[in-house]
C-alpha atoms as a PDB file:
ATOM      1  CA  MET A   1      61.158 121.878  97.608  1.00  0.00           C
ATOM      2  CA  ALA A   2      64.727 119.968  97.984  1.00  0.00           C
ATOM      3  CA  ARG A   3      66.454 120.515 101.401  1.00  0.00           C
ATOM      4  CA  LYS A   4      70.215 121.564 101.397  1.00  0.00           C
ATOM      5  CA  LYS A   5      72.632 119.302 103.214  1.00  0.00           C
ATOM      6  CA  PRO A   6      73.900 120.764 106.322  1.00  0.00           C
ATOM      7  CA  PRO A   7      77.666 121.122 106.333  1.00  0.00           C
ATOM      8  CA  PRO A   8      80.236 118.844 107.824  1.00  0.00           C
ATOM      9  CA  ASP A   9      80.697 119.182 111.523  1.00  0.00           C
ATOM     10  CA  VAL A  10      84.309 120.378 110.547  1.00  0.00           C
ATOM     11  CA  PRO A  11      86.119 124.253 110.918  1.00  0.00           C
ATOM     12  CA  PRO A  12      85.599 125.970 107.972  1.00  0.00           C
ATOM     13  CA  GLU A  13      89.146 126.674 107.988  1.00  0.00           C
ATOM     14  CA  ALA A  14      90.303 123.026 107.536  1.00  0.00           C
ATOM     15  CA  LEU A  15      87.326 122.244 105.283  1.00  0.00           C
ATOM     16  CA  ALA A  16      88.501 124.324 102.829  1.00  0.00           C
ATOM     17  CA  ARG A  17      92.237 123.076 102.978  1.00  0.00           C
ATOM     18  CA  TYR A  18      90.597 119.844 102.360  1.00  0.00           C
ATOM     19  CA  ASP A  19      88.765 121.275  99.604  1.00  0.00           C
ATOM     20  CA  ALA A  20      91.842 122.767  98.484  1.00  0.00           C
ATOM     21  CA  LEU A  21      94.085 119.439  98.827  1.00  0.00           C
ATOM     22  CA  ILE A  22      91.395 117.346  96.845  1.00  0.00           C
ATOM     23  CA  ALA A  23      91.492 120.441  93.795  1.00  0.00           C
ATOM     24  CA  THR A  24      95.005 120.520  93.709  1.00  0.00           C
ATOM     25  CA  TYR A  25      95.028 116.515  93.443  1.00  0.00           C
ATOM     26  CA  ASN A  26      92.675 116.417  90.666  1.00  0.00           C
ATOM     27  CA  ALA A  27      94.554 119.023  88.868  1.00  0.00           C
ATOM     28  CA  LEU A  28      97.541 117.463  89.173  1.00  0.00           C
ATOM     29  CA  ALA A  29      96.314 113.925  88.530  1.00  0.00           C
ATOM     30  CA  GLY A  30      94.882 114.466  85.153  1.00  0.00           C
ATOM     31  CA  GLY A  31      92.494 113.173  83.064  1.00  0.00           C
ATOM     32  CA  GLY A  32      93.476 109.938  82.648  1.00  0.00           C
ATOM     33  CA  HIS A  33      92.149 109.160  86.379  1.00  0.00           C
ATOM     34  CA  PRO A  34      88.908 109.191  88.152  1.00  0.00           C
ATOM     35  CA  GLU A  35      87.890 112.764  89.725  1.00  0.00           C
ATOM     36  CA  VAL A  36      88.011 112.503  93.769  1.00  0.00           C
ATOM     37  CA  THR A  37      85.090 114.518  95.263  1.00  0.00           C
ATOM     38  CA  ARG A  38      84.549 115.181  98.959  1.00  0.00           C
ATOM     39  CA  LYS A  39      81.543 112.961 100.603  1.00  0.00           C
ATOM     40  CA  GLY A  40      79.948 113.164 103.528  1.00  0.00           C
ATOM     41  CA  ALA A  41      76.665 115.458 105.082  1.00  0.00           C
ATOM     42  CA  LYS A  42      78.042 115.311 108.561  1.00  0.00           C
ATOM     43  CA  SER A  43      81.467 114.147 108.319  1.00  0.00           C
ATOM     44  CA  ALA A  44      83.643 114.787 105.413  1.00  0.00           C
ATOM     45  CA  TYR A  45      85.727 111.883 103.346  1.00  0.00           C
ATOM     46  CA  THR A  46      86.870 110.736 100.345  1.00  0.00           C
ATOM     47  CA  SER A  47      86.045 107.249  99.250  1.00  0.00           C
ATOM     48  CA  HIS A  48      87.369 105.152  96.232  1.00  0.00           C
ATOM     49  CA  ASN A  49      85.785 101.775  94.833  1.00  0.00           C
ATOM     50  CA  THR A  50      83.813 101.689  98.544  1.00  0.00           C
ATOM     51  CA  HIS A  51      86.880 101.896 100.585  1.00  0.00           C
ATOM     52  CA  MET A  52      87.205 105.409 102.250  1.00  0.00           C
ATOM     53  CA  PHE A  53      90.668 106.581 102.200  1.00  0.00           C
ATOM     54  CA  SER A  54      90.962 109.966 103.681  1.00  0.00           C
ATOM     55  CA  PHE A  55      88.584 111.916 106.271  1.00  0.00           C
ATOM     56  CA  MET A  56      88.638 114.991 108.147  1.00  0.00           C
ATOM     57  CA  ALA A  57      87.788 114.673 112.134  1.00  0.00           C
ATOM     58  CA  ALA A  58      85.533 117.031 113.811  1.00  0.00           C
ATOM     59  CA  ASP A  59      88.376 118.744 115.388  1.00  0.00           C
ATOM     60  CA  GLY A  60      89.914 119.474 111.961  1.00  0.00           C
ATOM     61  CA  THR A  61      92.784 116.334 111.643  1.00  0.00           C
ATOM     62  CA  LEU A  62      92.942 115.287 108.035  1.00  0.00           C
ATOM     63  CA  ALA A  63      93.429 111.596 108.141  1.00  0.00           C
ATOM     64  CA  LEU A  64      94.943 109.700 105.530  1.00  0.00           C
ATOM     65  CA  ARG A  65      94.728 105.701 104.833  1.00  0.00           C
ATOM     66  CA  LEU A  66      98.122 104.327 103.676  1.00  0.00           C
ATOM     67  CA  GLY A  67      99.800 101.282 102.690  1.00  0.00           C
ATOM     68  CA  ARG A  68     102.204 100.163 105.955  1.00  0.00           C
ATOM     69  CA  PRO A  69     105.753 101.572 104.217  1.00  0.00           C
ATOM     70  CA  ASP A  70     104.219 104.781 103.512  1.00  0.00           C
ATOM     71  CA  ARG A  71     102.347 104.539 106.963  1.00  0.00           C
ATOM     72  CA  GLU A  72     105.537 103.815 108.738  1.00  0.00           C
ATOM     73  CA  ALA A  73     107.844 106.908 106.640  1.00  0.00           C
ATOM     74  CA  PHE A  74     105.181 109.228 107.087  1.00  0.00           C
ATOM     75  CA  VAL A  75     105.170 108.181 111.091  1.00  0.00           C
ATOM     76  CA  ALA A  76     109.133 108.308 111.436  1.00  0.00           C
ATOM     77  CA  GLU A  77     109.035 111.578 109.496  1.00  0.00           C
ATOM     78  CA  HIS A  78     106.156 113.662 111.058  1.00  0.00           C
ATOM     79  CA  GLU A  79     106.069 111.833 114.715  1.00  0.00           C
ATOM     80  CA  THR A  80     102.034 112.144 114.227  1.00  0.00           C
ATOM     81  CA  GLU A  81      99.825 110.025 117.143  1.00  0.00           C
ATOM     82  CA  PRO A  82      97.576 107.396 115.868  1.00  0.00           C
ATOM     83  CA  VAL A  83      94.202 108.463 114.548  1.00  0.00           C
ATOM     84  CA  ILE A  84      91.454 107.439 117.123  1.00  0.00           C
ATOM     85  CA  SER A  85      87.703 107.959 115.561  1.00  0.00           C
ATOM     86  CA  TYR A  86      84.994 107.165 117.805  1.00  0.00           C
ATOM     87  CA  GLY A  87      87.113 105.731 120.379  1.00  0.00           C
ATOM     88  CA  ALA A  88      88.695 103.219 117.631  1.00  0.00           C
ATOM     89  CA  VAL A  89      92.320 103.271 116.532  1.00  0.00           C
ATOM     90  CA  MET A  90      92.022 103.258 113.111  1.00  0.00           C
ATOM     91  CA  LYS A  91      95.041 101.156 112.123  1.00  0.00           C
ATOM     92  CA  GLU A  92      95.595 102.224 108.504  1.00  0.00           C
ATOM     93  CA  TYR A  93      95.361 105.738 109.095  1.00  0.00           C
ATOM     94  CA  VAL A  94      98.222 108.764 109.453  1.00  0.00           C
ATOM     95  CA  ALA A  95      97.121 112.093 111.287  1.00  0.00           C
ATOM     96  CA  VAL A  96      98.132 115.034 108.775  1.00  0.00           C
ATOM     97  CA  PRO A  97     100.172 117.766 110.823  1.00  0.00           C
ATOM     98  CA  PRO A  98      97.743 121.191 110.363  1.00  0.00           C
ATOM     99  CA  ALA A  99     101.458 122.813 108.820  1.00  0.00           C
ATOM    100  CA  LEU A 100     101.352 120.116 106.097  1.00  0.00           C
ATOM    101  CA  LEU A 101      97.515 120.412 105.520  1.00  0.00           C
ATOM    102  CA  ALA A 102      98.470 124.104 104.950  1.00  0.00           C
ATOM    103  CA  ASP A 103     100.289 123.175 101.920  1.00  0.00           C
ATOM    104  CA  PRO A 104      98.085 121.149  99.290  1.00  0.00           C
ATOM    105  CA  GLN A 105     100.787 121.321  96.890  1.00  0.00           C
ATOM    106  CA  ALA A 106     103.572 119.340  99.190  1.00  0.00           C
ATOM    107  CA  LEU A 107     100.355 116.939 100.169  1.00  0.00           C
ATOM    108  CA  ALA A 108      98.719 116.401  96.895  1.00  0.00           C
ATOM    109  CA  PRO A 109     101.685 113.369  96.235  1.00  0.00           C
ATOM    110  CA  LEU A 110     100.900 111.372  99.766  1.00  0.00           C
ATOM    111  CA  PHE A 111      96.836 112.033  98.877  1.00  0.00           C
ATOM    112  CA  GLY A 112      97.908 110.163  95.372  1.00  0.00           C
ATOM    113  CA  LYS A 113      99.553 107.314  97.637  1.00  0.00           C
ATOM    114  CA  SER A 114      96.024 106.979  99.943  1.00  0.00           C
ATOM    115  CA  PHE A 115      94.049 106.682  96.852  1.00  0.00           C
ATOM    116  CA  ALA A 116      96.428 104.296  94.995  1.00  0.00           C
ATOM    117  CA  TYR A 117      96.563 101.986  98.034  1.00  0.00           C
ATOM    118  CA  VAL A 118      92.485 101.765  98.282  1.00  0.00           C
ATOM    119  CA  ASP A 119      92.950 101.613  94.103  1.00  0.00           C
ATOM    120  CA  ALA A 120      94.684  98.352  94.516  1.00  0.00           C
ATOM    121  CA  LYS A 121      92.293  97.136  96.435  1.00  0.00           C
ATOM    122  CA  PRO A 122      89.276  94.775  95.066  1.00  0.00           C
ATOM    123  CA  ALA A 123      85.681  96.743  95.618  1.00  0.00           C
ATOM    124  CA  THR A 124      83.595  95.161  98.600  1.00  0.00           C
ATOM    125  CA  PRO A 125      80.485  94.073  97.286  1.00  0.00           C
ATOM    126  CA  LYS A 126      77.458  95.990  98.106  1.00  0.00           C
ATOM    127  CA  LYS A 127      74.869  94.150 100.253  1.00  0.00           C
ATOM    128  CA  LYS A 128      71.700  93.687  98.796  1.00  0.00           C
ATOM    129  CA  ALA A 129      68.890  95.770 100.354  1.00  0.00           C
ATOM    130  CA  ALA A 130      66.545  93.588 102.868  1.00  0.00           C
ATOM    131  CA  LYS A 131      63.211  93.115 101.670  1.00  0.00           C
ATOM    132  CA  THR A 132      60.141  95.124 102.655  1.00  0.00           C
ATOM    133  CA  LYS A 133      57.426  93.331 104.221  1.00  0.00           C
ATOM    134  CA  ALA A 134      55.707  93.980 101.096  1.00  0.00           C
ATOM    135  CA  ALA A 135      58.008  92.642  99.119  1.00  0.00           C
ATOM    136  CA  ALA A 136      58.501  89.358 100.945  1.00  0.00           C
ATOM    137  CA  LYS A 137      54.414  88.364 101.175  1.00  0.00           C
ATOM    138  CA  PRO A 138      53.860  85.794  98.364  1.00  0.00           C
ATOM    139  CA  GLU A 139      50.793  87.100  96.454  1.00  0.00           C
ATOM    140  CA  LYS A 140      47.214  85.764  96.889  1.00  0.00           C
ATOM    141  CA  THR A 141      45.821  83.601  94.545  1.00  0.00           C
ATOM    142  CA  THR A 142      42.308  84.052  93.415  1.00  0.00           C
ATOM    143  CA  ALA A 143      41.691  80.472  92.182  1.00  0.00           C
ATOM    144  CA  LYS A 144      37.979  79.538  93.295  1.00  0.00           C
ATOM    145  CA  LYS A 145      37.460  76.742  95.437  1.00  0.00           C
ATOM    146  CA  THR A 146      35.164  73.824  93.306  1.00  0.00           C
ATOM    147  CA  ALA A 147      31.912  73.105  95.219  1.00  0.00           C
ATOM    148  CA  LYS A 148      31.399  69.566  96.230  1.00  0.00           C
ATOM    149  CA  ARG A 149      28.385  67.862  94.186  1.00  0.00           C
END
């Protein structure tokens, strides 16, 4: 029997707003665009071409990844603080104010800029899976030794 994934460690109302933003963006983006889905069993995030472009912090703050011009304009307009995750400053991310997160129609174009930013980046090649011990050992040969005469 398959176990259901636990919900992300995010306040439910913030997670609902994040889901509403993703749904609004997908509706506005149209059919010629890959659908964005929320991922993550413990942390809610979105990614495209192996690049994460948004995530919901445990306190319910939404972080968006933006290119420098969009990031600087956003910080100047909304006077946001740097995004810090696990003690590290997330250099390309901006923290979305709660009032803006509550308005998915207003936030969807910025979410689109975040998607476009990572869409322009080349996909990161996936690492090859580590070989298991069984796969790493060469097969034993069963050749019989010839007896000396």
